[in-house]
Amino acid sequence: MLNKFGSSGQGEAQVQYLDGDFRVISPGTYVRCAVTDARIQLDELKYWSVDLQEAYSAPSAVLQRHFPGVPKSQS
């Protein structure tokens, strides 16, 4: 569920990550991935850590953050 204020800013949002949801503290259109620094549009945000209070752009970024020593699989 996306919690937005009326008109959101154009910059980076400040977000509180909750279990299964997040709360926009300061309006914006995106957050940054804690691993890749990629912009993640709020309406596309799917992965985050409640404990670390950070967002991730993809499942691979989550794995890289929590298991940094594990080599990436060769596909």
N, C-alpha and C. Protein backbone atom coordinates (compact mmCIF):
# COMPACT_ATOMS: atom_id res chain seq x y z
N MET A 1 0.84 -1.17 0.00
CA MET A 1 0.00 0.00 0.00
C MET A 1 0.89 1.23 0.00
N LEU A 2 0.59 2.19 -0.84
CA LEU A 2 1.37 3.39 -0.99
C LEU A 2 0.72 4.51 -0.21
N ASN A 3 1.48 5.08 0.71
CA ASN A 3 0.98 6.19 1.52
C ASN A 3 1.59 7.48 1.02
N LYS A 4 0.82 8.29 0.30
CA LYS A 4 1.32 9.55 -0.23
C LYS A 4 0.54 10.70 0.35
N PHE A 5 1.18 11.84 0.39
CA PHE A 5 0.49 13.08 0.72
C PHE A 5 -0.03 13.64 -0.59
N GLY A 6 -0.96 14.60 -0.54
CA GLY A 6 -1.54 15.19 -1.73
C GLY A 6 -0.58 15.33 -2.88
N SER A 7 0.14 16.46 -2.94
CA SER A 7 1.09 16.64 -4.03
C SER A 7 2.48 16.29 -3.53
N SER A 8 3.09 15.32 -4.16
CA SER A 8 4.41 14.89 -3.71
C SER A 8 5.49 15.71 -4.39
N GLY A 9 6.64 15.79 -3.74
CA GLY A 9 7.78 16.49 -4.32
C GLY A 9 8.36 15.71 -5.48
N GLN A 10 9.31 16.31 -6.14
CA GLN A 10 9.93 15.66 -7.29
C GLN A 10 11.21 14.94 -6.93
N GLY A 11 11.71 15.14 -5.72
CA GLY A 11 12.99 14.56 -5.34
C GLY A 11 12.86 13.24 -4.60
N GLU A 12 13.88 12.97 -3.79
CA GLU A 12 13.93 11.73 -3.03
C GLU A 12 13.03 11.80 -1.80
N ALA A 13 12.25 10.77 -1.60
CA ALA A 13 11.34 10.69 -0.45
C ALA A 13 12.08 10.14 0.76
N GLN A 14 11.64 10.51 1.93
CA GLN A 14 12.11 9.89 3.17
C GLN A 14 11.00 8.93 3.59
N VAL A 15 11.36 7.67 3.81
CA VAL A 15 10.37 6.62 4.02
C VAL A 15 10.68 5.84 5.29
N GLN A 16 9.62 5.48 6.01
CA GLN A 16 9.73 4.55 7.14
C GLN A 16 9.23 3.21 6.63
N TYR A 17 10.09 2.19 6.70
CA TYR A 17 9.74 0.87 6.20
C TYR A 17 9.11 0.05 7.31
N LEU A 18 7.94 -0.47 7.03
CA LEU A 18 7.15 -1.24 7.99
C LEU A 18 6.98 -2.67 7.47
N ASP A 19 6.42 -3.54 8.28
CA ASP A 19 6.12 -4.91 7.85
C ASP A 19 5.01 -4.88 6.80
N GLY A 20 5.34 -5.18 5.56
CA GLY A 20 4.35 -5.27 4.49
C GLY A 20 3.86 -3.93 3.98
N ASP A 21 4.43 -2.83 4.42
CA ASP A 21 3.99 -1.50 4.00
C ASP A 21 5.11 -0.51 4.28
N PHE A 22 4.95 0.70 3.84
CA PHE A 22 5.88 1.75 4.18
C PHE A 22 5.11 3.06 4.31
N ARG A 23 5.69 3.99 5.04
CA ARG A 23 5.06 5.28 5.29
C ARG A 23 5.99 6.38 4.77
N VAL A 24 5.44 7.26 3.95
CA VAL A 24 6.21 8.38 3.43
C VAL A 24 6.27 9.45 4.51
N ILE A 25 7.48 9.76 4.95
CA ILE A 25 7.69 10.75 5.99
C ILE A 25 7.87 12.13 5.36
N SER A 26 8.63 12.18 4.27
CA SER A 26 8.87 13.42 3.54
C SER A 26 8.59 13.14 2.07
N PRO A 27 7.69 13.88 1.45
CA PRO A 27 7.26 13.59 0.07
C PRO A 27 8.40 13.59 -0.94
N GLY A 28 8.25 12.75 -1.93
CA GLY A 28 9.17 12.63 -3.04
C GLY A 28 8.64 11.58 -3.99
N THR A 29 9.34 11.37 -5.08
CA THR A 29 8.87 10.41 -6.08
C THR A 29 9.65 9.11 -6.07
N TYR A 30 10.81 9.10 -5.38
CA TYR A 30 11.64 7.90 -5.40
C TYR A 30 12.43 7.76 -4.10
N VAL A 31 13.00 6.55 -3.92
CA VAL A 31 14.00 6.29 -2.88
C VAL A 31 15.19 5.65 -3.61
N ARG A 32 16.31 5.51 -2.93
CA ARG A 32 17.50 4.92 -3.54
C ARG A 32 17.76 3.52 -2.97
N CYS A 33 18.20 2.63 -3.83
CA CYS A 33 18.58 1.29 -3.42
C CYS A 33 19.83 1.38 -2.55
N ALA A 34 19.82 0.72 -1.40
CA ALA A 34 20.95 0.75 -0.47
C ALA A 34 22.18 0.05 -1.03
N VAL A 35 22.00 -0.82 -2.02
CA VAL A 35 23.12 -1.58 -2.57
C VAL A 35 23.63 -0.96 -3.87
N THR A 36 22.74 -0.65 -4.79
CA THR A 36 23.13 -0.18 -6.12
C THR A 36 23.04 1.33 -6.29
N ASP A 37 22.39 2.01 -5.37
CA ASP A 37 22.14 3.45 -5.43
C ASP A 37 21.19 3.83 -6.58
N ALA A 38 20.52 2.84 -7.17
CA ALA A 38 19.56 3.11 -8.24
C ALA A 38 18.32 3.78 -7.68
N ARG A 39 17.71 4.64 -8.47
CA ARG A 39 16.44 5.25 -8.08
C ARG A 39 15.32 4.22 -8.21
N ILE A 40 14.46 4.18 -7.20
CA ILE A 40 13.30 3.28 -7.21
C ILE A 40 12.07 4.16 -7.06
N GLN A 41 11.24 4.20 -8.07
CA GLN A 41 10.00 4.97 -7.97
C GLN A 41 9.14 4.39 -6.86
N LEU A 42 8.50 5.24 -6.07
CA LEU A 42 7.71 4.74 -4.94
C LEU A 42 6.63 3.76 -5.36
N ASP A 43 6.03 3.99 -6.52
CA ASP A 43 4.97 3.07 -6.96
C ASP A 43 5.54 1.73 -7.46
N GLU A 44 6.87 1.61 -7.55
CA GLU A 44 7.52 0.36 -7.95
C GLU A 44 8.30 -0.28 -6.81
N LEU A 45 8.28 0.31 -5.62
CA LEU A 45 9.03 -0.19 -4.48
C LEU A 45 8.41 -1.48 -3.95
N LYS A 46 9.20 -2.56 -3.97
CA LYS A 46 8.71 -3.88 -3.54
C LYS A 46 9.57 -4.53 -2.47
N TYR A 47 10.84 -4.13 -2.38
CA TYR A 47 11.78 -4.81 -1.50
C TYR A 47 12.42 -3.82 -0.54
N TRP A 48 12.38 -4.14 0.77
CA TRP A 48 13.01 -3.31 1.77
C TRP A 48 13.26 -4.11 3.03
N SER A 49 14.08 -3.55 3.90
CA SER A 49 14.37 -4.17 5.19
C SER A 49 13.80 -3.30 6.29
N VAL A 50 12.94 -3.88 7.11
CA VAL A 50 12.39 -3.17 8.27
C VAL A 50 13.50 -2.94 9.28
N ASP A 51 14.33 -3.96 9.52
CA ASP A 51 15.40 -3.86 10.51
C ASP A 51 16.46 -2.83 10.13
N LEU A 52 16.86 -2.82 8.87
CA LEU A 52 17.90 -1.90 8.42
C LEU A 52 17.34 -0.56 7.92
N GLN A 53 16.02 -0.50 7.71
CA GLN A 53 15.35 0.71 7.20
C GLN A 53 16.00 1.19 5.91
N GLU A 54 16.05 0.26 4.93
CA GLU A 54 16.59 0.61 3.63
C GLU A 54 15.86 -0.15 2.53
N ALA A 55 15.89 0.42 1.34
CA ALA A 55 15.19 -0.12 0.19
C ALA A 55 16.15 -0.84 -0.74
N TYR A 56 15.61 -1.76 -1.55
CA TYR A 56 16.40 -2.52 -2.52
C TYR A 56 15.67 -2.51 -3.86
N SER A 57 16.45 -2.45 -4.93
CA SER A 57 15.87 -2.37 -6.27
C SER A 57 15.39 -3.71 -6.81
N ALA A 58 15.95 -4.82 -6.31
CA ALA A 58 15.62 -6.14 -6.84
C ALA A 58 16.00 -7.21 -5.81
N PRO A 59 15.47 -8.42 -5.96
CA PRO A 59 15.85 -9.50 -5.05
C PRO A 59 17.36 -9.74 -5.00
N SER A 60 18.04 -9.56 -6.12
CA SER A 60 19.49 -9.76 -6.14
C SER A 60 20.20 -8.75 -5.23
N ALA A 61 19.68 -7.55 -5.12
CA ALA A 61 20.25 -6.54 -4.22
C ALA A 61 20.04 -6.94 -2.76
N VAL A 62 18.89 -7.54 -2.46
CA VAL A 62 18.63 -8.03 -1.10
C VAL A 62 19.66 -9.09 -0.74
N LEU A 63 19.87 -10.05 -1.64
CA LEU A 63 20.83 -11.12 -1.39
C LEU A 63 22.25 -10.58 -1.24
N GLN A 64 22.61 -9.63 -2.08
CA GLN A 64 23.94 -9.04 -2.01
C GLN A 64 24.14 -8.32 -0.68
N ARG A 65 23.11 -7.67 -0.16
CA ARG A 65 23.21 -6.95 1.10
C ARG A 65 23.36 -7.91 2.28
N HIS A 66 22.57 -8.98 2.28
CA HIS A 66 22.55 -9.89 3.42
C HIS A 66 23.60 -10.99 3.35
N PHE A 67 24.09 -11.29 2.14
CA PHE A 67 25.12 -12.32 1.95
C PHE A 67 26.20 -11.78 1.02
N PRO A 68 26.98 -10.78 1.47
CA PRO A 68 27.93 -10.12 0.58
C PRO A 68 29.07 -11.00 0.08
N GLY A 69 29.40 -12.07 0.78
CA GLY A 69 30.52 -12.92 0.38
C GLY A 69 30.16 -13.99 -0.63
N VAL A 70 28.87 -14.17 -0.89
CA VAL A 70 28.44 -15.22 -1.80
C VAL A 70 28.58 -14.72 -3.25
N PRO A 71 29.32 -15.45 -4.08
CA PRO A 71 29.48 -15.02 -5.47
C PRO A 71 28.16 -15.11 -6.23
N LYS A 72 28.02 -14.22 -7.20
CA LYS A 72 26.81 -14.24 -8.04
C LYS A 72 26.83 -15.48 -8.89
N SER A 73 25.64 -16.06 -9.13
CA SER A 73 25.57 -17.27 -9.94
C SER A 73 25.83 -16.93 -11.40
N GLN A 74 26.43 -17.83 -12.10
CA GLN A 74 26.71 -17.67 -13.52
C GLN A 74 25.51 -18.21 -14.31
N SER A 75 24.84 -17.36 -15.05
CA SER A 75 23.68 -17.80 -15.83
C SER A 75 23.99 -17.86 -17.28
